Amino acid sequence: MIDFERQQVTHDPELDAKLRAKVDELDSRALAEYAHTLNLFPPGWADGANPPISLAWPADDFDSDGVLIWDTAKAPDEE
């Protein structure tokens, strides 16, 4: 189960919009690198964790735009 509150990249609508503007242009790891330029870092980042960013939907909420999350469940070689 995804902890959307903890893993959401940002709750700031302006920063979220900047990230979403790049979703179709960058892969998940490049999007994470772009997030770093906006001073956005994943939980545990100081411990060396650097997960990609994915778009996810809370259960039964597929009509929304989804939530950009730090995808800590992805293997390092997945994009």
Protein backbone atom coordinates (compact mmCIF):
# COMPACT_ATOMS: atom_id res chain seq x y z
CA MET A 1 0.00 0.00 0.00
CA ILE A 2 1.38 3.40 -0.96
CA ASP A 3 1.69 6.00 1.78
CA PHE A 4 0.66 8.90 -0.47
CA GLU A 5 1.14 11.49 2.28
CA ARG A 6 4.76 10.45 2.91
CA GLN A 7 5.75 9.71 -0.67
CA GLN A 8 4.02 12.59 -2.48
CA VAL A 9 6.73 14.65 -4.15
CA THR A 10 5.15 17.99 -3.20
CA HIS A 11 1.93 19.42 -1.84
CA ASP A 12 2.75 22.81 -3.38
CA PRO A 13 0.49 23.31 -6.44
CA GLU A 14 3.05 25.47 -8.27
CA LEU A 15 5.86 22.94 -7.89
CA ASP A 16 3.50 20.10 -8.78
CA ALA A 17 2.54 21.96 -11.98
CA LYS A 18 6.23 22.42 -12.89
CA LEU A 19 6.84 18.69 -12.48
CA ARG A 20 3.72 17.70 -14.41
CA ALA A 21 4.82 19.95 -17.28
CA LYS A 22 7.86 17.65 -17.66
CA VAL A 23 6.12 14.25 -17.22
CA ASP A 24 5.81 13.56 -20.96
CA GLU A 25 9.31 14.89 -21.67
CA LEU A 26 11.42 13.11 -19.02
CA ASP A 27 11.66 9.53 -17.79
CA SER A 28 11.04 8.83 -14.11
CA ARG A 29 14.68 9.17 -13.04
CA ALA A 30 15.24 12.37 -15.02
CA LEU A 31 12.04 13.75 -13.49
CA ALA A 32 13.50 13.02 -10.04
CA GLU A 33 16.69 14.87 -11.00
CA TYR A 34 14.56 17.81 -12.18
CA ALA A 35 12.70 17.72 -8.85
CA HIS A 36 16.06 18.10 -7.08
CA THR A 37 16.60 21.38 -8.97
CA LEU A 38 13.33 22.54 -7.38
CA ASN A 39 14.66 21.59 -3.92
CA LEU A 40 12.43 18.52 -3.72
CA PHE A 41 13.99 15.38 -2.27
CA PRO A 42 12.59 11.96 -1.33
CA PRO A 43 12.15 10.72 2.22
CA GLY A 44 15.46 9.27 3.38
CA TRP A 45 17.41 11.15 0.71
CA ALA A 46 20.17 11.95 3.18
CA ASP A 47 20.61 8.19 3.58
CA GLY A 48 21.42 7.85 -0.13
CA ALA A 49 17.95 6.89 -1.36
CA ASN A 50 17.19 8.43 -4.71
CA PRO A 51 14.03 6.83 -6.13
CA PRO A 52 12.42 7.79 -9.42
CA ILE A 53 9.11 9.66 -9.58
CA SER A 54 5.95 7.89 -10.71
CA LEU A 55 2.35 8.87 -11.20
CA ALA A 56 0.02 6.88 -8.95
CA TRP A 57 -3.66 6.90 -8.06
CA PRO A 58 -5.22 6.33 -4.66
CA ALA A 59 -7.56 3.32 -4.59
CA ASP A 60 -10.76 3.88 -6.58
CA ASP A 61 -9.69 7.38 -7.68
CA PHE A 62 -8.78 6.76 -11.32
CA ASP A 63 -10.76 9.80 -12.49
CA SER A 64 -8.29 12.19 -10.85
CA ASP A 65 -4.99 13.40 -12.30
CA GLY A 66 -3.10 11.09 -9.95
CA VAL A 67 -0.34 11.93 -7.51
CA LEU A 68 3.36 12.30 -8.26
CA ILE A 69 5.19 10.11 -5.74
CA TRP A 70 8.73 9.06 -4.96
CA ASP A 71 8.57 5.48 -6.16
CA THR A 72 10.49 3.66 -3.46
CA ALA A 73 9.07 0.32 -4.68
CA LYS A 74 10.84 0.43 -8.07
CA ALA A 75 13.98 -1.54 -8.62
CA PRO A 76 17.03 0.56 -9.57
CA ASP A 77 16.97 -0.63 -13.19
CA GLU A 78 13.28 0.15 -13.76
CA GLU A 79 12.28 3.39 -15.52
